[in-house]
Every structure is written in C-alpha cells, then in structure tokens.
Amino acid sequence: MDLLIIVTDASARGVRVTDSILGVIRRDDSMRHTRTGLVINRLKGDDKLITQSAEQWGIEILGRVPEDENITKFDSSGKPLIGLPATSPSVSAVRGILQKVDHLIYRVDTRQEKC
C-alpha cells in the first residue's frame, strides 16, 4: 500500500491547496485507496482551521513542524540544514513524524504479509 504525505502550512491557502490535492486523489482510481497523511509545516500560532479540515477530510495529521529560527539562520548563511542541532524544534518534530511514518509503513506491511 502506498503512503502519500501532504505537507502544507496552516494558512487558508494551505487548506485550499490540500483540499484540491485530495480532490485529485479521490477522482483518480489508481490513487483512491492510497493512505494519506498531513504534515503541517512552519507552524506558528493557531492551527485550528487546518486541524478541523483534516478531521472533515478524514486524514491523519502526522505532525506539526514549528517555525524554527534555526532554519532561517542556516538558510540565510547558506549552511546545509543537515547541520541543524538535534535540539532544534524542527528537528525534534521531524524525528517524531518519521517515527510515526515508519510505524504506519510497518503496520501496513504487516497487514499485507498476513493476507
């Protein structure tokens, strides 16, 4: 089984774009049964709109990556993001998201093996 991860921000535009992506998936027979998750990127402040929308769409929020000043500093100085400190809020968030994705993939693979 495939896993599609949509990465968006918490803005109204992000909600509209995500809704459009989901519309394409639902119309495409080859993608209709694709498991879909949502990552909210560059989050600062309220995520109520995107969270409510995800509930209405019936998709799981895999995690939230906060706005991270470390990324801004690294990016403006041309440093690669791979060098971000492990304590950086975005690194911690991505680590949690990857663990969740790994669990989802393992759970899907386990189900397929039992069939």
Protein backbone atom coordinates (compact mmCIF):
# COMPACT_ATOMS: atom_id res chain seq x y z
CA MET A 1 0.00 0.00 0.00
CA ASP A 2 1.19 3.49 -0.84
CA LEU A 3 1.50 6.36 1.59
CA LEU A 4 1.04 9.94 0.41
CA ILE A 5 2.24 12.68 2.72
CA ILE A 6 0.87 16.15 2.03
CA VAL A 7 2.97 18.93 3.53
CA THR A 8 1.18 22.23 3.98
CA ASP A 9 1.06 25.23 6.26
CA ALA A 10 -1.83 26.29 8.48
CA SER A 11 -3.00 29.13 6.25
CA ALA A 12 -6.33 29.33 4.46
CA ARG A 13 -4.44 28.93 1.17
CA GLY A 14 -2.78 25.80 2.55
CA VAL A 15 -6.22 24.39 3.36
CA ARG A 16 -7.49 25.14 -0.16
CA VAL A 17 -4.45 23.57 -1.83
CA THR A 18 -4.69 20.47 0.37
CA ASP A 19 -8.38 20.17 -0.46
CA SER A 20 -7.50 20.36 -4.17
CA ILE A 21 -4.84 17.66 -3.82
CA LEU A 22 -7.30 15.41 -2.02
CA GLY A 23 -9.87 16.04 -4.76
CA VAL A 24 -7.41 14.83 -7.39
CA ILE A 25 -6.63 11.73 -5.34
CA ARG A 26 -10.30 10.88 -4.87
CA ARG A 27 -11.03 11.22 -8.59
CA ASP A 28 -8.09 9.04 -9.65
CA ASP A 29 -8.99 5.35 -9.38
CA SER A 30 -5.33 4.36 -9.06
CA MET A 31 -4.89 6.62 -6.02
CA ARG A 32 -8.26 6.31 -4.36
CA HIS A 33 -7.02 3.73 -1.83
CA THR A 34 -3.74 5.49 -1.07
CA ARG A 35 -3.27 6.10 2.63
CA THR A 36 -2.84 9.84 3.12
CA GLY A 37 -1.32 11.81 5.98
CA LEU A 38 -0.79 15.50 6.60
CA VAL A 39 2.24 17.38 7.91
CA ILE A 40 1.71 20.97 8.99
CA ASN A 41 4.86 22.93 8.21
CA ARG A 42 6.22 26.22 9.56
CA LEU A 43 3.58 26.35 12.24
CA LYS A 44 3.37 29.43 14.39
CA GLY A 45 0.19 30.32 16.14
CA ASP A 46 -3.18 28.73 15.55
CA ASP A 47 -3.70 25.56 13.51
CA LYS A 48 -7.43 25.27 14.19
CA LEU A 49 -8.52 25.70 10.55
CA ILE A 50 -6.21 23.02 9.14
CA THR A 51 -6.90 20.68 12.08
CA GLN A 52 -10.67 20.96 11.61
CA SER A 53 -10.26 20.50 7.88
CA ALA A 54 -8.15 17.36 8.38
CA GLU A 55 -10.91 15.94 10.59
CA GLN A 56 -13.51 16.68 7.89
CA TRP A 57 -11.30 15.10 5.21
CA GLY A 58 -10.70 12.07 7.40
CA ILE A 59 -6.91 12.23 7.16
CA GLU A 60 -4.42 11.87 9.96
CA ILE A 61 -2.14 14.70 10.98
CA LEU A 62 1.26 13.05 11.13
CA GLY A 63 2.83 16.01 12.89
CA ARG A 64 3.49 19.69 13.12
CA VAL A 65 6.83 21.30 12.28
CA PRO A 66 7.11 24.62 14.10
CA GLU A 67 8.55 27.78 12.60
CA ASP A 68 12.22 27.46 13.57
CA GLU A 69 14.59 30.40 13.79
CA ASN A 70 17.50 27.99 13.39
CA ILE A 71 16.34 27.18 9.85
CA THR A 72 16.15 30.87 9.00
CA LYS A 73 19.69 31.41 10.29
CA PHE A 74 21.09 28.38 8.48
CA ASP A 75 19.30 29.26 5.26
CA SER A 76 20.36 32.92 5.22
CA SER A 77 24.01 31.97 5.83
CA GLY A 78 23.98 29.19 3.23
CA LYS A 79 24.54 26.39 5.73
CA PRO A 80 23.01 23.00 4.92
CA LEU A 81 20.02 22.12 7.09
CA ILE A 82 21.51 18.70 7.79
CA GLY A 83 23.74 20.55 10.27
CA LEU A 84 20.85 21.74 12.44
CA PRO A 85 21.34 20.85 16.10
CA ALA A 86 19.37 17.85 17.38
CA THR A 87 17.73 20.18 19.91
CA SER A 88 16.27 22.36 17.18
CA PRO A 89 12.44 22.37 17.40
CA SER A 90 12.06 21.45 13.74
CA VAL A 91 14.49 18.55 14.01
CA SER A 92 12.62 17.16 17.02
CA ALA A 93 9.31 17.49 15.19
CA VAL A 94 10.58 15.81 12.03
CA ARG A 95 12.06 12.98 14.09
CA GLY A 96 8.62 12.36 15.62
CA ILE A 97 6.94 12.49 12.21
CA LEU A 98 9.42 9.99 10.76
CA GLN A 99 8.79 7.61 13.66
CA LYS A 100 5.06 7.85 13.02
CA VAL A 101 5.54 7.26 9.28
CA ASP A 102 7.79 4.29 9.99
CA HIS A 103 5.09 2.85 12.25
CA LEU A 104 2.43 3.39 9.57
CA ILE A 105 4.55 1.69 6.92
CA TYR A 106 5.42 -1.19 9.23
CA ARG A 107 1.76 -1.59 10.19
CA VAL A 108 0.72 -1.58 6.52
CA ASP A 109 3.46 -4.08 5.57
CA THR A 110 2.49 -6.36 8.45
CA ARG A 111 -1.15 -6.37 7.33
CA GLN A 112 -0.12 -7.23 3.77
CA GLU A 113 2.03 -10.14 4.94
CA LYS A 114 -0.88 -11.65 6.90
CA CYS A 115 -3.20 -11.64 3.88
